[in-house]
């Protein structure tokens, strides 16, 4: 898996369903992801860069934390593509 600002939420949650709990614990703004409708609509088009902006979390931090959670849960290394400043 490669992560970048262009990675879609829906793609992440389909591949790593455990990230739903991670996101909800990370920020109350992620609670909308509990709705299947929201995941299928907004999640399909919302890249991590937009999600970071809406939640007030820096993109670099969000991508790093997601990669660390995937590693912790699965042992899988995640490649982080260049995250712009």
N, C-alpha and C. Protein backbone atom coordinates (compact mmCIF):
# COMPACT_ATOMS: atom_id res chain seq x y z
N UNK A 1 0.85 -1.18 0.00
CA UNK A 1 0.00 0.00 0.00
C UNK A 1 0.88 1.24 0.00
N UNK A 2 0.47 2.20 -0.79
CA UNK A 2 1.13 3.50 -0.81
C UNK A 2 0.15 4.54 -0.30
N UNK A 3 0.63 5.42 0.55
CA UNK A 3 -0.19 6.50 1.08
C UNK A 3 0.32 7.83 0.57
N UNK A 4 -0.63 8.69 0.25
CA UNK A 4 -0.29 10.06 -0.14
C UNK A 4 -1.51 10.92 0.14
N UNK A 5 -1.40 12.17 -0.14
CA UNK A 5 -2.54 13.07 0.00
C UNK A 5 -3.67 12.73 -0.94
N UNK A 6 -3.37 11.95 -1.99
CA UNK A 6 -4.39 11.57 -2.97
C UNK A 6 -5.12 10.28 -2.61
N UNK A 7 -4.65 9.57 -1.59
CA UNK A 7 -5.28 8.32 -1.19
C UNK A 7 -6.71 8.59 -0.72
N UNK A 8 -7.66 7.86 -1.25
CA UNK A 8 -9.07 8.04 -0.91
C UNK A 8 -9.41 7.28 0.38
N UNK A 9 -10.26 7.91 1.20
CA UNK A 9 -10.69 7.29 2.45
C UNK A 9 -11.35 5.95 2.19
N UNK A 10 -12.20 5.87 1.20
CA UNK A 10 -12.90 4.63 0.91
C UNK A 10 -11.92 3.49 0.61
N UNK A 11 -10.87 3.79 -0.15
CA UNK A 11 -9.87 2.78 -0.47
C UNK A 11 -9.18 2.28 0.80
N UNK A 12 -8.83 3.20 1.69
CA UNK A 12 -8.19 2.82 2.93
C UNK A 12 -9.09 1.94 3.79
N UNK A 13 -10.35 2.36 3.92
CA UNK A 13 -11.26 1.61 4.79
C UNK A 13 -11.66 0.27 4.19
N UNK A 14 -11.67 0.17 2.88
CA UNK A 14 -11.95 -1.13 2.27
C UNK A 14 -10.80 -2.10 2.51
N UNK A 15 -9.57 -1.60 2.41
CA UNK A 15 -8.41 -2.47 2.57
C UNK A 15 -8.09 -2.73 4.04
N UNK A 16 -8.33 -1.72 4.88
CA UNK A 16 -8.00 -1.81 6.31
C UNK A 16 -9.20 -1.36 7.14
N UNK A 17 -10.22 -2.20 7.31
CA UNK A 17 -11.43 -1.81 8.03
C UNK A 17 -11.17 -1.34 9.46
N UNK A 18 -10.10 -1.83 10.10
CA UNK A 18 -9.78 -1.43 11.46
C UNK A 18 -9.45 0.06 11.56
N UNK A 19 -9.14 0.70 10.43
CA UNK A 19 -8.82 2.14 10.46
C UNK A 19 -10.03 2.98 10.83
N UNK A 20 -11.23 2.45 10.67
CA UNK A 20 -12.42 3.22 11.05
C UNK A 20 -12.34 3.59 12.53
N UNK A 21 -12.03 2.62 13.40
CA UNK A 21 -11.90 2.89 14.83
C UNK A 21 -10.75 3.86 15.09
N UNK A 22 -9.66 3.69 14.38
CA UNK A 22 -8.51 4.58 14.52
C UNK A 22 -8.91 6.03 14.22
N UNK A 23 -9.58 6.24 13.09
CA UNK A 23 -9.97 7.59 12.69
C UNK A 23 -10.94 8.22 13.70
N UNK A 24 -11.90 7.44 14.15
CA UNK A 24 -12.89 7.96 15.10
C UNK A 24 -12.23 8.36 16.41
N UNK A 25 -11.27 7.56 16.87
CA UNK A 25 -10.54 7.91 18.09
C UNK A 25 -9.65 9.12 17.87
N UNK A 26 -9.18 9.31 16.65
CA UNK A 26 -8.25 10.40 16.32
C UNK A 26 -8.93 11.77 16.37
N UNK A 27 -10.17 11.84 15.89
CA UNK A 27 -10.89 13.11 15.88
C UNK A 27 -12.39 12.86 15.83
N UNK A 28 -13.15 13.62 16.62
CA UNK A 28 -14.61 13.46 16.59
C UNK A 28 -15.20 13.75 15.20
N UNK A 29 -14.49 14.49 14.39
CA UNK A 29 -14.99 14.82 13.05
C UNK A 29 -15.06 13.58 12.15
N UNK A 30 -14.36 12.52 12.54
CA UNK A 30 -14.39 11.29 11.75
C UNK A 30 -15.61 10.43 12.05
N UNK A 31 -16.41 10.81 13.04
CA UNK A 31 -17.59 10.00 13.39
C UNK A 31 -18.55 9.84 12.22
N UNK A 32 -18.53 10.78 11.30
CA UNK A 32 -19.40 10.68 10.12
C UNK A 32 -19.08 9.42 9.31
N UNK A 33 -17.86 8.90 9.46
CA UNK A 33 -17.47 7.69 8.72
C UNK A 33 -18.22 6.45 9.20
N UNK A 34 -18.87 6.54 10.36
CA UNK A 34 -19.64 5.41 10.85
C UNK A 34 -20.85 5.15 9.96
N UNK A 35 -21.29 6.16 9.25
CA UNK A 35 -22.41 6.03 8.33
C UNK A 35 -21.95 5.40 7.03
N UNK A 36 -22.58 4.30 6.67
CA UNK A 36 -22.25 3.62 5.42
C UNK A 36 -22.48 4.55 4.23
N UNK A 37 -23.52 5.35 4.30
CA UNK A 37 -23.83 6.28 3.22
C UNK A 37 -22.69 7.30 3.06
N UNK A 38 -22.21 7.84 4.18
CA UNK A 38 -21.11 8.81 4.11
C UNK A 38 -19.84 8.18 3.52
N UNK A 39 -19.55 6.96 3.94
CA UNK A 39 -18.35 6.29 3.41
C UNK A 39 -18.48 6.04 1.92
N UNK A 40 -19.67 5.70 1.47
CA UNK A 40 -19.86 5.38 0.05
C UNK A 40 -19.96 6.62 -0.82
N UNK A 41 -20.31 7.75 -0.22
CA UNK A 41 -20.42 8.98 -1.02
C UNK A 41 -19.16 9.83 -0.85
N UNK A 42 -19.02 10.44 0.31
CA UNK A 42 -17.88 11.32 0.56
C UNK A 42 -16.57 10.53 0.56
N UNK A 43 -16.57 9.35 1.15
CA UNK A 43 -15.37 8.53 1.24
C UNK A 43 -14.78 8.16 -0.10
N UNK A 44 -15.64 8.02 -1.10
CA UNK A 44 -15.17 7.66 -2.44
C UNK A 44 -14.36 8.77 -3.09
N UNK A 45 -14.72 10.00 -2.78
CA UNK A 45 -14.07 11.13 -3.45
C UNK A 45 -13.10 11.91 -2.55
N UNK A 46 -13.19 11.72 -1.25
CA UNK A 46 -12.37 12.51 -0.32
C UNK A 46 -10.97 11.92 -0.17
N UNK A 47 -9.96 12.64 -0.67
CA UNK A 47 -8.58 12.20 -0.46
C UNK A 47 -8.10 12.59 0.94
N UNK A 48 -7.03 11.98 1.39
CA UNK A 48 -6.51 12.30 2.72
C UNK A 48 -6.15 13.77 2.86
N UNK A 49 -5.74 14.42 1.79
CA UNK A 49 -5.41 15.85 1.89
C UNK A 49 -6.63 16.66 2.30
N UNK A 50 -7.79 16.33 1.75
CA UNK A 50 -9.02 17.04 2.10
C UNK A 50 -9.45 16.69 3.52
N UNK A 51 -9.34 15.43 3.87
CA UNK A 51 -9.71 14.98 5.21
C UNK A 51 -8.84 15.69 6.26
N UNK A 52 -7.56 15.78 6.00
CA UNK A 52 -6.66 16.46 6.92
C UNK A 52 -7.06 17.92 7.08
N UNK A 53 -7.39 18.55 5.99
CA UNK A 53 -7.79 19.96 6.03
C UNK A 53 -9.05 20.16 6.85
N UNK A 54 -10.03 19.32 6.64
CA UNK A 54 -11.32 19.45 7.35
C UNK A 54 -11.15 19.20 8.84
N UNK A 55 -10.29 18.27 9.20
CA UNK A 55 -10.12 17.92 10.62
C UNK A 55 -9.09 18.78 11.32
N UNK A 56 -8.32 19.56 10.57
CA UNK A 56 -7.31 20.42 11.19
C UNK A 56 -6.04 19.68 11.57
N UNK A 57 -5.86 18.49 11.02
CA UNK A 57 -4.65 17.70 11.26
C UNK A 57 -3.74 17.89 10.06
N UNK A 58 -2.46 18.08 10.30
CA UNK A 58 -1.56 18.24 9.15
C UNK A 58 -1.55 16.95 8.34
N UNK A 59 -1.46 17.09 7.04
CA UNK A 59 -1.45 15.93 6.15
C UNK A 59 -0.28 15.01 6.48
N UNK A 60 0.88 15.59 6.71
CA UNK A 60 2.07 14.79 7.03
C UNK A 60 1.83 13.94 8.28
N UNK A 61 1.26 14.55 9.31
CA UNK A 61 1.00 13.83 10.56
C UNK A 61 -0.05 12.74 10.34
N UNK A 62 -1.11 13.06 9.64
CA UNK A 62 -2.17 12.09 9.41
C UNK A 62 -1.65 10.87 8.64
N UNK A 63 -0.92 11.11 7.57
CA UNK A 63 -0.38 10.01 6.76
C UNK A 63 0.59 9.16 7.58
N UNK A 64 1.42 9.81 8.38
CA UNK A 64 2.38 9.09 9.22
C UNK A 64 1.66 8.24 10.26
N UNK A 65 0.63 8.79 10.87
CA UNK A 65 -0.12 8.04 11.88
C UNK A 65 -0.88 6.87 11.27
N UNK A 66 -1.46 7.06 10.10
CA UNK A 66 -2.16 5.98 9.41
C UNK A 66 -1.17 4.86 9.06
N UNK A 67 -0.02 5.22 8.54
CA UNK A 67 0.99 4.22 8.21
C UNK A 67 1.43 3.45 9.45
N UNK A 68 1.61 4.14 10.56
CA UNK A 68 2.01 3.49 11.81
C UNK A 68 0.92 2.55 12.31
N UNK A 69 -0.33 2.94 12.18
CA UNK A 69 -1.44 2.08 12.62
C UNK A 69 -1.53 0.83 11.76
N UNK A 70 -1.36 0.98 10.47
CA UNK A 70 -1.37 -0.19 9.58
C UNK A 70 -0.23 -1.13 9.95
N UNK A 71 0.95 -0.59 10.21
CA UNK A 71 2.10 -1.40 10.61
C UNK A 71 1.82 -2.12 11.93
N UNK A 72 1.25 -1.40 12.89
CA UNK A 72 0.97 -1.98 14.21
C UNK A 72 -0.07 -3.10 14.12
N UNK A 73 -1.08 -2.92 13.28
CA UNK A 73 -2.16 -3.90 13.19
C UNK A 73 -1.83 -5.08 12.30
N UNK A 74 -1.03 -4.86 11.26
CA UNK A 74 -0.82 -5.91 10.27
C UNK A 74 0.63 -6.34 10.11
N UNK A 75 1.56 -5.51 10.58
CA UNK A 75 2.98 -5.78 10.36
C UNK A 75 3.44 -5.38 8.96
N UNK A 76 2.52 -4.86 8.17
CA UNK A 76 2.80 -4.46 6.79
C UNK A 76 3.42 -3.07 6.75
N UNK A 77 4.52 -2.95 6.03
CA UNK A 77 5.11 -1.63 5.82
C UNK A 77 4.32 -0.87 4.76
N UNK A 78 4.16 0.40 4.99
CA UNK A 78 3.42 1.25 4.07
C UNK A 78 4.38 2.29 3.51
N UNK A 79 4.34 2.47 2.21
CA UNK A 79 5.16 3.49 1.58
C UNK A 79 4.41 4.82 1.61
N UNK A 80 5.09 5.83 2.13
CA UNK A 80 4.50 7.17 2.14
C UNK A 80 5.11 7.94 0.99
N UNK A 81 4.26 8.30 0.06
CA UNK A 81 4.71 9.11 -1.07
C UNK A 81 4.86 10.53 -0.60
N UNK A 82 5.62 11.32 -1.28
CA UNK A 82 5.92 12.68 -0.87
C UNK A 82 4.67 13.44 -0.46
N UNK A 83 4.72 13.96 0.76
CA UNK A 83 3.63 14.76 1.28
C UNK A 83 4.09 16.20 1.21
N UNK A 84 3.37 17.04 0.44
CA UNK A 84 3.81 18.43 0.31
C UNK A 84 3.68 19.19 1.62
N UNK A 85 4.51 20.22 1.78
CA UNK A 85 4.46 21.07 2.98
C UNK A 85 3.22 21.92 2.99
